[in-house]
Amino acid sequence: MGLLFYQSMDFDETTFFKKRGITRSVTSLLKLGYDPEHTRGNYTGEAIVIPHYWHGRLVGYQERWIGSDKPNNIPKYTNTKDFPKGTTLYNYDNVSAQQDVVVVESAMTVAYLMSLGIASIATFGASIQPEQIRLIKNLCSVGNRVLLSFDNDQAGLKATEKIVGQL
């Protein structure tokens, strides 16, 4: 994977992160970025860049498109090629043993919860894979208490039931 470059935002009341309650220290820790001219295929527009590290190594990144001119064929979130969505958990490297952890769907929710001082990890959506369940079980086995807090929709409820059934 190539190097990830991004332009940091001027951190004032109008920024994407601050409006969502995400602190500068969390954007710095997670290396979140903003690119006013990010490109995916033939589309160039504003995007939040969310790098994903696994065991200290950059393994991919997500783009959260924020421009109002985004075409309908570009989803709100896109990932780099070969993104390890089903075999990793976002922010897993930053969770320590004996710490309560909230499991959510999105990296942006992790950033918000961390800004509130709440340890959290994300599954990159409601489609939970066996390796992700194994990783969550591992957290439980080292003494972490795990709270599942998926989106309040049909997919989130289904994911919660699946994880609870396997824990």
Foldseek 3Di string as FASTA:
>chain_A
DDDDDADADDDDCPDPQVVLQFDPVLCVVQVKHWHQFDDDVPDTGIWIWGFADDPRHTDWIKTQGDDPPDDPVDDRIDIDPPRPLAQDKGPLVVDDAQEAEEEEADPSVCSNCVSVVHHYIHSVHLDHHPNNLVSVVVNVVRNYHYHYDYDPDPSSVVSVVVSVVVD
